[in-house]
């Protein structure tokens, strides 16, 4: 299955990386890498995450980091909708 990030999700991930990189560039690379690893796993196991209250939207935590990946599955494609800090309001 293919993985596609929406423009919103890419912008959110870029902001996360920029914020982390101000204090720790290596940590920013690690977080982005972990998001990429998880989305790769979602391509293999698209139903592995928790269902949300929103119909068809699932959420997976980014391991030991305080971020969440929100996605849906459409037409044999995992569509990443948001990458957000866990303390933010959910979309």
PDB file of N, CA and C in Angstrom:
ATOM      1  N   UNK A   1       0.847  -1.175   0.000  1.00  0.00           N
ATOM      2  CA  UNK A   1       0.000   0.000   0.000  1.00  0.00           C
ATOM      3  C   UNK A   1       0.895   1.241   0.000  1.00  0.00           C
ATOM      4  N   UNK A   2       0.468   2.255  -0.669  1.00  0.00           N
ATOM      5  CA  UNK A   2       1.213   3.503  -0.793  1.00  0.00           C
ATOM      6  C   UNK A   2       0.871   4.447   0.373  1.00  0.00           C
ATOM      7  N   UNK A   3       1.815   5.302   0.758  1.00  0.00           N
ATOM      8  CA  UNK A   3       1.585   6.314   1.795  1.00  0.00           C
ATOM      9  C   UNK A   3       1.715   7.686   1.157  1.00  0.00           C
ATOM     10  N   UNK A   4       0.747   8.559   1.465  1.00  0.00           N
ATOM     11  CA  UNK A   4       0.799   9.929   0.958  1.00  0.00           C
ATOM     12  C   UNK A   4       0.534  10.894   2.115  1.00  0.00           C
ATOM     13  N   UNK A   5       1.350  11.922   2.227  1.00  0.00           N
ATOM     14  CA  UNK A   5       1.162  12.966   3.228  1.00  0.00           C
ATOM     15  C   UNK A   5       0.386  14.112   2.587  1.00  0.00           C
ATOM     16  N   UNK A   6      -0.608  14.635   3.276  1.00  0.00           N
ATOM     17  CA  UNK A   6      -1.284  15.833   2.792  1.00  0.00           C
ATOM     18  C   UNK A   6      -0.341  17.015   2.975  1.00  0.00           C
ATOM     19  N   UNK A   7      -0.633  18.107   2.292  1.00  0.00           N
ATOM     20  CA  UNK A   7       0.177  19.325   2.444  1.00  0.00           C
ATOM     21  C   UNK A   7       0.151  19.797   3.897  1.00  0.00           C
ATOM     22  N   UNK A   8      -0.993  19.651   4.549  1.00  0.00           N
ATOM     23  CA  UNK A   8      -1.117  20.039   5.960  1.00  0.00           C
ATOM     24  C   UNK A   8      -0.190  19.204   6.835  1.00  0.00           C
ATOM     25  N   UNK A   9      -0.184  17.901   6.633  1.00  0.00           N
ATOM     26  CA  UNK A   9       0.662  17.011   7.438  1.00  0.00           C
ATOM     27  C   UNK A   9       2.141  17.320   7.205  1.00  0.00           C
ATOM     28  N   UNK A  10       2.519  17.582   5.968  1.00  0.00           N
ATOM     29  CA  UNK A  10       3.915  17.920   5.676  1.00  0.00           C
ATOM     30  C   UNK A  10       4.317  19.232   6.342  1.00  0.00           C
ATOM     31  N   UNK A  11       3.422  20.213   6.315  1.00  0.00           N
ATOM     32  CA  UNK A  11       3.709  21.496   6.964  1.00  0.00           C
ATOM     33  C   UNK A  11       3.832  21.325   8.474  1.00  0.00           C
ATOM     34  N   UNK A  12       2.952  20.510   9.060  1.00  0.00           N
ATOM     35  CA  UNK A  12       3.018  20.266  10.506  1.00  0.00           C
ATOM     36  C   UNK A  12       4.322  19.568  10.875  1.00  0.00           C
ATOM     37  N   UNK A  13       4.709  18.566  10.098  1.00  0.00           N
ATOM     38  CA  UNK A  13       5.957  17.848  10.378  1.00  0.00           C
ATOM     39  C   UNK A  13       7.161  18.770  10.218  1.00  0.00           C
ATOM     40  N   UNK A  14       7.126  19.634   9.234  1.00  0.00           N
ATOM     41  CA  UNK A  14       8.215  20.595   9.032  1.00  0.00           C
ATOM     42  C   UNK A  14       8.320  21.555  10.218  1.00  0.00           C
ATOM     43  N   UNK A  15       7.176  22.043  10.710  1.00  0.00           N
ATOM     44  CA  UNK A  15       7.191  22.943  11.887  1.00  0.00           C
ATOM     45  C   UNK A  15       7.724  22.224  13.118  1.00  0.00           C
ATOM     46  N   UNK A  16       7.323  20.967  13.297  1.00  0.00           N
ATOM     47  CA  UNK A  16       7.822  20.182  14.427  1.00  0.00           C
ATOM     48  C   UNK A  16       9.340  20.069  14.343  1.00  0.00           C
ATOM     49  N   UNK A  17       9.832  19.707  13.167  1.00  0.00           N
ATOM     50  CA  UNK A  17      11.282  19.542  12.986  1.00  0.00           C
ATOM     51  C   UNK A  17      12.015  20.861  13.229  1.00  0.00           C
ATOM     52  N   UNK A  18      11.479  21.960  12.725  1.00  0.00           N
ATOM     53  CA  UNK A  18      12.114  23.260  12.934  1.00  0.00           C
ATOM     54  C   UNK A  18      12.164  23.635  14.407  1.00  0.00           C
ATOM     55  N   UNK A  19      11.071  23.406  15.114  1.00  0.00           N
ATOM     56  CA  UNK A  19      11.021  23.738  16.547  1.00  0.00           C
ATOM     57  C   UNK A  19      12.034  22.921  17.342  1.00  0.00           C
ATOM     58  N   UNK A  20      12.116  21.642  17.050  1.00  0.00           N
ATOM     59  CA  UNK A  20      13.062  20.785  17.768  1.00  0.00           C
ATOM     60  C   UNK A  20      14.494  21.151  17.396  1.00  0.00           C
ATOM     61  N   UNK A  21      14.722  21.425  16.123  1.00  0.00           N
ATOM     62  CA  UNK A  21      16.078  21.700  15.623  1.00  0.00           C
ATOM     63  C   UNK A  21      16.695  22.954  16.241  1.00  0.00           C
ATOM     64  N   UNK A  22      15.875  23.876  16.695  1.00  0.00           N
ATOM     65  CA  UNK A  22      16.426  25.082  17.341  1.00  0.00           C
ATOM     66  C   UNK A  22      17.307  24.709  18.535  1.00  0.00           C
ATOM     67  N   UNK A  23      16.886  23.696  19.275  1.00  0.00           N
ATOM     68  CA  UNK A  23      17.625  23.273  20.462  1.00  0.00           C
ATOM     69  C   UNK A  23      18.488  22.038  20.231  1.00  0.00           C
ATOM     70  N   UNK A  24      18.032  21.154  19.318  1.00  0.00           N
ATOM     71  CA  UNK A  24      18.727  19.888  19.144  1.00  0.00           C
ATOM     72  C   UNK A  24      18.497  19.342  17.724  1.00  0.00           C
ATOM     73  N   UNK A  25      19.361  19.718  16.780  1.00  0.00           N
ATOM     74  CA  UNK A  25      19.180  19.276  15.389  1.00  0.00           C
ATOM     75  C   UNK A  25      19.144  17.756  15.235  1.00  0.00           C
ATOM     76  N   UNK A  26      19.947  17.049  16.006  1.00  0.00           N
ATOM     77  CA  UNK A  26      19.960  15.581  15.903  1.00  0.00           C
ATOM     78  C   UNK A  26      18.623  14.992  16.333  1.00  0.00           C
ATOM     79  N   UNK A  27      18.017  15.562  17.358  1.00  0.00           N
ATOM     80  CA  UNK A  27      16.710  15.081  17.821  1.00  0.00           C
ATOM     81  C   UNK A  27      15.636  15.323  16.762  1.00  0.00           C
ATOM     82  N   UNK A  28      15.729  16.436  16.059  1.00  0.00           N
ATOM     83  CA  UNK A  28      14.764  16.726  14.991  1.00  0.00           C
ATOM     84  C   UNK A  28      14.829  15.660  13.906  1.00  0.00           C
ATOM     85  N   UNK A  29      16.034  15.280  13.532  1.00  0.00           N
ATOM     86  CA  UNK A  29      16.216  14.227  12.534  1.00  0.00           C
ATOM     87  C   UNK A  29      15.647  12.907  13.040  1.00  0.00           C
ATOM     88  N   UNK A  30      15.853  12.615  14.307  1.00  0.00           N
ATOM     89  CA  UNK A  30      15.353  11.378  14.905  1.00  0.00           C
ATOM     90  C   UNK A  30      13.830  11.326  14.891  1.00  0.00           C
ATOM     91  N   UNK A  31      13.188  12.421  15.240  1.00  0.00           N
ATOM     92  CA  UNK A  31      11.722  12.454  15.273  1.00  0.00           C
ATOM     93  C   UNK A  31      11.157  12.269  13.862  1.00  0.00           C
ATOM     94  N   UNK A  32      11.699  13.003  12.891  1.00  0.00           N
ATOM     95  CA  UNK A  32      11.215  12.876  11.515  1.00  0.00           C
ATOM     96  C   UNK A  32      11.446  11.456  11.000  1.00  0.00           C
ATOM     97  N   UNK A  33      12.588  10.889  11.324  1.00  0.00           N
ATOM     98  CA  UNK A  33      12.886   9.520  10.918  1.00  0.00           C
ATOM     99  C   UNK A  33      11.885   8.536  11.513  1.00  0.00           C
ATOM    100  N   UNK A  34      11.540   8.732  12.764  1.00  0.00           N
ATOM    101  CA  UNK A  34      10.584   7.841  13.427  1.00  0.00           C
ATOM    102  C   UNK A  34       9.200   7.952  12.781  1.00  0.00           C
ATOM    103  N   UNK A  35       8.802   9.167  12.427  1.00  0.00           N
ATOM    104  CA  UNK A  35       7.520   9.357  11.737  1.00  0.00           C
ATOM    105  C   UNK A  35       7.553   8.605  10.401  1.00  0.00           C
ATOM    106  N   UNK A  36       8.656   8.715   9.676  1.00  0.00           N
ATOM    107  CA  UNK A  36       8.783   8.013   8.396  1.00  0.00           C
ATOM    108  C   UNK A  36       8.736   6.495   8.585  1.00  0.00           C
ATOM    109  N   UNK A  37       9.387   5.996   9.632  1.00  0.00           N
ATOM    110  CA  UNK A  37       9.357   4.560   9.909  1.00  0.00           C
ATOM    111  C   UNK A  37       7.932   4.088  10.196  1.00  0.00           C
ATOM    112  N   UNK A  38       7.235   4.849  11.031  1.00  0.00           N
ATOM    113  CA  UNK A  38       5.868   4.464  11.390  1.00  0.00           C
ATOM    114  C   UNK A  38       4.937   4.500  10.188  1.00  0.00           C
ATOM    115  N   UNK A  39       5.068   5.510   9.356  1.00  0.00           N
ATOM    116  CA  UNK A  39       4.195   5.572   8.189  1.00  0.00           C
ATOM    117  C   UNK A  39       4.516   4.425   7.229  1.00  0.00           C
ATOM    118  N   UNK A  40       5.760   4.001   7.188  1.00  0.00           N
ATOM    119  CA  UNK A  40       6.113   2.820   6.405  1.00  0.00           C
ATOM    120  C   UNK A  40       5.425   1.573   6.928  1.00  0.00           C
ATOM    121  N   UNK A  41       5.357   1.457   8.237  1.00  0.00           N
ATOM    122  CA  UNK A  41       4.639   0.311   8.843  1.00  0.00           C
ATOM    123  C   UNK A  41       3.147   0.384   8.572  1.00  0.00           C
ATOM    124  N   UNK A  42       2.616   1.615   8.551  1.00  0.00           N
ATOM    125  CA  UNK A  42       1.192   1.771   8.254  1.00  0.00           C
ATOM    126  C   UNK A  42       0.874   1.273   6.848  1.00  0.00           C
ATOM    127  N   UNK A  43       1.825   1.411   5.937  1.00  0.00           N
ATOM    128  CA  UNK A  43       1.623   0.907   4.577  1.00  0.00           C
ATOM    129  C   UNK A  43       1.442  -0.607   4.594  1.00  0.00           C
ATOM    130  N   UNK A  44       2.132  -1.272   5.497  1.00  0.00           N
ATOM    131  CA  UNK A  44       2.037  -2.725   5.608  1.00  0.00           C
ATOM    132  C   UNK A  44       0.832  -3.162   6.450  1.00  0.00           C
ATOM    133  N   UNK A  45       0.553  -2.396   7.500  1.00  0.00           N
ATOM    134  CA  UNK A  45      -0.515  -2.743   8.451  1.00  0.00           C
ATOM    135  C   UNK A  45      -1.405  -1.518   8.691  1.00  0.00           C
ATOM    136  N   UNK A  46      -2.233  -1.153   7.738  1.00  0.00           N
ATOM    137  CA  UNK A  46      -2.996   0.100   7.838  1.00  0.00           C
ATOM    138  C   UNK A  46      -4.021   0.148   8.975  1.00  0.00           C
ATOM    139  N   UNK A  47      -4.406  -0.976   9.512  1.00  0.00           N
ATOM    140  CA  UNK A  47      -5.399  -0.979  10.594  1.00  0.00           C
ATOM    141  C   UNK A  47      -4.764  -1.120  11.972  1.00  0.00           C
ATOM    142  N   UNK A  48      -3.449  -0.930  12.086  1.00  0.00           N
ATOM    143  CA  UNK A  48      -2.752  -1.185  13.342  1.00  0.00           C
ATOM    144  C   UNK A  48      -2.986  -0.116  14.409  1.00  0.00           C
ATOM    145  N   UNK A  49      -3.510   1.035  14.034  1.00  0.00           N
ATOM    146  CA  UNK A  49      -3.647   2.142  14.985  1.00  0.00           C
ATOM    147  C   UNK A  49      -5.056   2.206  15.559  1.00  0.00           C
ATOM    148  N   UNK A  50      -5.222   3.119  16.504  1.00  0.00           N
ATOM    149  CA  UNK A  50      -6.499   3.310  17.175  1.00  0.00           C
ATOM    150  C   UNK A  50      -7.468   4.073  16.285  1.00  0.00           C
ATOM    151  N   UNK A  51      -8.722   3.684  16.314  1.00  0.00           N
ATOM    152  CA  UNK A  51      -9.771   4.446  15.637  1.00  0.00           C
ATOM    153  C   UNK A  51     -10.064   5.689  16.462  1.00  0.00           C
ATOM    154  N   UNK A  52     -10.420   6.769  15.796  1.00  0.00           N
ATOM    155  CA  UNK A  52     -10.804   8.004  16.486  1.00  0.00           C
ATOM    156  C   UNK A  52     -12.318   8.158  16.416  1.00  0.00           C
ATOM    157  N   UNK A  53     -12.812   9.248  16.981  1.00  0.00           N
ATOM    158  CA  UNK A  53     -14.248   9.532  16.924  1.00  0.00           C
ATOM    159  C   UNK A  53     -14.681   9.914  15.511  1.00  0.00           C
ATOM    160  N   UNK A  54     -13.730  10.361  14.706  1.00  0.00           N
ATOM    161  CA  UNK A  54     -14.021  10.750  13.328  1.00  0.00           C
ATOM    162  C   UNK A  54     -14.049   9.500  12.449  1.00  0.00           C
ATOM    163  N   UNK A  55     -15.100   9.346  11.697  1.00  0.00           N
ATOM    164  CA  UNK A  55     -15.284   8.162  10.861  1.00  0.00           C
ATOM    165  C   UNK A  55     -14.123   7.966   9.888  1.00  0.00           C
ATOM    166  N   UNK A  56     -13.478   6.805   9.970  1.00  0.00           N
ATOM    167  CA  UNK A  56     -12.408   6.448   9.047  1.00  0.00           C
ATOM    168  C   UNK A  56     -11.038   6.982   9.395  1.00  0.00           C
ATOM    169  N   UNK A  57     -10.925   7.777  10.439  1.00  0.00           N
ATOM    170  CA  UNK A  57      -9.633   8.355  10.827  1.00  0.00           C
ATOM    171  C   UNK A  57      -9.053   7.541  11.978  1.00  0.00           C
ATOM    172  N   UNK A  58      -7.780   7.226  11.855  1.00  0.00           N
ATOM    173  CA  UNK A  58      -7.067   6.461  12.882  1.00  0.00           C
ATOM    174  C   UNK A  58      -5.903   7.314  13.383  1.00  0.00           C
ATOM    175  N   UNK A  59      -5.395   6.963  14.574  1.00  0.00           N
ATOM    176  CA  UNK A  59      -4.276   7.711  15.157  1.00  0.00           C
ATOM    177  C   UNK A  59      -3.274   6.732  15.747  1.00  0.00           C
ATOM    178  N   UNK A  60      -1.995   7.032  15.507  1.00  0.00           N
ATOM    179  CA  UNK A  60      -0.920   6.204  16.054  1.00  0.00           C
ATOM    180  C   UNK A  60       0.079   7.126  16.758  1.00  0.00           C
ATOM    181  N   UNK A  61       0.482   6.781  17.984  1.00  0.00           N
ATOM    182  CA  UNK A  61       1.494   7.578  18.680  1.00  0.00           C
ATOM    183  C   UNK A  61       2.877   7.320  18.079  1.00  0.00           C
ATOM    184  N   UNK A  62       3.724   8.327  18.151  1.00  0.00           N
ATOM    185  CA  UNK A  62       5.087   8.226  17.609  1.00  0.00           C
ATOM    186  C   UNK A  62       6.022   7.766  18.725  1.00  0.00           C
ATOM    187  N   UNK A  63       5.826   6.537  19.145  1.00  0.00           N
ATOM    188  CA  UNK A  63       6.699   5.910  20.139  1.00  0.00           C
ATOM    189  C   UNK A  63       6.923   6.737  21.382  1.00  0.00           C
ATOM    190  N   UNK A  64       8.182   6.955  21.715  1.00  0.00           N
ATOM    191  CA  UNK A  64       8.523   7.665  22.952  1.00  0.00           C
ATOM    192  C   UNK A  64       8.446   9.177  22.805  1.00  0.00           C
ATOM    193  N   UNK A  65       8.094   9.642  21.604  1.00  0.00           N
ATOM    194  CA  UNK A  65       7.989  11.078  21.355  1.00  0.00           C
ATOM    195  C   UNK A  65       6.528  11.514  21.518  1.00  0.00           C
ATOM    196  N   UNK A  66       6.293  12.763  21.926  1.00  0.00           N
ATOM    197  CA  UNK A  66       4.916  13.203  22.213  1.00  0.00           C
ATOM    198  C   UNK A  66       4.155  13.673  20.975  1.00  0.00           C
ATOM    199  N   UNK A  67       4.166  12.860  19.925  1.00  0.00           N
ATOM    200  CA  UNK A  67       3.498  13.238  18.687  1.00  0.00           C
ATOM    201  C   UNK A  67       2.532  12.137  18.262  1.00  0.00           C
ATOM    202  N   UNK A  68       1.518  12.553  17.506  1.00  0.00           N
ATOM    203  CA  UNK A  68       0.497  11.639  17.015  1.00  0.00           C
ATOM    204  C   UNK A  68       0.366  11.794  15.505  1.00  0.00           C
ATOM    205  N   UNK A  69       0.183  10.672  14.831  1.00  0.00           N
ATOM    206  CA  UNK A  69      -0.042  10.682  13.385  1.00  0.00           C
ATOM    207  C   UNK A  69      -1.509  10.314  13.154  1.00  0.00           C
ATOM    208  N   UNK A  70      -2.243  11.212  12.504  1.00  0.00           N
ATOM    209  CA  UNK A  70      -3.636  10.969  12.151  1.00  0.00           C
ATOM    210  C   UNK A  70      -3.686  10.615  10.675  1.00  0.00           C
ATOM    211  N   UNK A  71      -4.404   9.542  10.347  1.00  0.00           N
ATOM    212  CA  UNK A  71      -4.449   9.109   8.947  1.00  0.00           C
ATOM    213  C   UNK A  71      -5.758   8.418   8.635  1.00  0.00           C
ATOM    214  N   UNK A  72      -5.973   8.218   7.351  1.00  0.00           N
ATOM    215  CA  UNK A  72      -7.115   7.463   6.866  1.00  0.00           C
ATOM    216  C   UNK A  72      -6.634   6.576   5.721  1.00  0.00           C
ATOM    217  N   UNK A  73      -7.437   5.605   5.379  1.00  0.00           N
ATOM    218  CA  UNK A  73      -7.099   4.721   4.262  1.00  0.00           C
ATOM    219  C   UNK A  73      -8.135   4.949   3.168  1.00  0.00           C
ATOM    220  N   UNK A  74      -7.631   5.329   1.985  1.00  0.00           N
ATOM    221  CA  UNK A  74      -8.509   5.598   0.838  1.00  0.00           C
ATOM    222  C   UNK A  74      -7.914   4.965  -0.415  1.00  0.00           C
ATOM    223  N   UNK A  75      -8.718   4.240  -1.138  1.00  0.00           N
ATOM    224  CA  UNK A  75      -8.299   3.709  -2.442  1.00  0.00           C
ATOM    225  C   UNK A  75      -6.915   3.067  -2.395  1.00  0.00           C
ATOM    226  N   UNK A  76      -6.730   2.135  -1.475  1.00  0.00           N
ATOM    227  CA  UNK A  76      -5.464   1.395  -1.328  1.00  0.00           C
ATOM    228  C   UNK A  76      -4.280   2.327  -1.063  1.00  0.00           C
ATOM    229  N   UNK A  77      -4.550   3.386  -0.302  1.00  0.00           N
ATOM    230  CA  UNK A  77      -3.525   4.373   0.016  1.00  0.00           C
ATOM    231  C   UNK A  77      -3.728   4.852   1.456  1.00  0.00           C
ATOM    232  N   UNK A  78      -2.629   4.933   2.198  1.00  0.00           N
ATOM    233  CA  UNK A  78      -2.664   5.522   3.533  1.00  0.00           C
ATOM    234  C   UNK A  78      -2.427   7.015   3.349  1.00  0.00           C
ATOM    235  N   UNK A  79      -3.385   7.821   3.790  1.00  0.00           N
ATOM    236  CA  UNK A  79      -3.276   9.272   3.649  1.00  0.00           C
ATOM    237  C   UNK A  79      -3.041   9.869   5.028  1.00  0.00           C
ATOM    238  N   UNK A  80      -1.847  10.419   5.246  1.00  0.00           N
ATOM    239  CA  UNK A  80      -1.516  11.047   6.530  1.00  0.00           C
ATOM    240  C   UNK A  80      -2.131  12.439   6.517  1.00  0.00           C
ATOM    241  N   UNK A  81      -3.045  12.659   7.454  1.00  0.00           N
ATOM    242  CA  UNK A  81      -3.785  13.915   7.521  1.00  0.00           C
ATOM    243  C   UNK A  81      -3.097  14.956   8.384  1.00  0.00           C
ATOM    244  N   UNK A  82      -2.557  14.510   9.524  1.00  0.00           N
ATOM    245  CA  UNK A  82      -1.936  15.421  10.487  1.00  0.00           C
ATOM    246  C   UNK A  82      -0.809  14.713  11.222  1.00  0.00           C
ATOM    247  N   UNK A  83       0.184  15.490  11.615  1.00  0.00           N
ATOM    248  CA  UNK A  83       1.213  15.055  12.561  1.00  0.00           C
ATOM    249  C   UNK A  83       1.238  16.152  13.614  1.00  0.00           C
ATOM    250  N   UNK A  84       0.795  15.819  14.814  1.00  0.00           N
ATOM    251  CA  UNK A  84       0.623  16.846  15.843  1.00  0.00           C
ATOM    252  C   UNK A  84       1.220  16.432  17.181  1.00  0.00           C
ATOM    253  N   UNK A  85       1.572  17.453  17.956  1.00  0.00           N
ATOM    254  CA  UNK A  85       2.004  17.220  19.334  1.00  0.00           C
ATOM    255  C   UNK A  85       0.801  16.702  20.102  1.00  0.00           C
ATOM    256  N   UNK A  86       1.018  15.752  20.976  1.00  0.00           N
ATOM    257  CA  UNK A  86      -0.081  15.118  21.710  1.00  0.00           C
ATOM    258  C   UNK A  86      -0.833  16.099  22.611  1.00  0.00           C
ATOM    259  N   UNK A  87      -0.197  17.207  22.999  1.00  0.00           N
ATOM    260  CA  UNK A  87      -0.854  18.175  23.868  1.00  0.00           C
ATOM    261  C   UNK A  87      -1.784  19.113  23.104  1.00  0.00           C
ATOM    262  N   UNK A  88      -1.686  19.125  21.778  1.00  0.00           N
ATOM    263  CA  UNK A  88      -2.556  19.985  20.966  1.00  0.00           C
ATOM    264  C   UNK A  88      -3.961  19.400  20.888  1.00  0.00           C
ATOM    265  N   UNK A  89      -4.897  20.278  20.601  1.00  0.00           N
ATOM    266  CA  UNK A  89      -6.265  19.801  20.374  1.00  0.00           C
ATOM    267  C   UNK A  89      -6.272  18.899  19.154  1.00  0.00           C
ATOM    268  N   UNK A  90      -7.080  17.895  19.205  1.00  0.00           N
ATOM    269  CA  UNK A  90      -7.159  16.964  18.069  1.00  0.00           C
ATOM    270  C   UNK A  90      -7.941  17.598  16.937  1.00  0.00           C
ATOM    271  N   UNK A  91      -7.561  17.235  15.712  1.00  0.00           N
ATOM    272  CA  UNK A  91      -8.263  17.846  14.556  1.00  0.00           C
ATOM    273  C   UNK A  91      -9.705  17.379  14.454  1.00  0.00           C
TER     274      UNK A  91
END
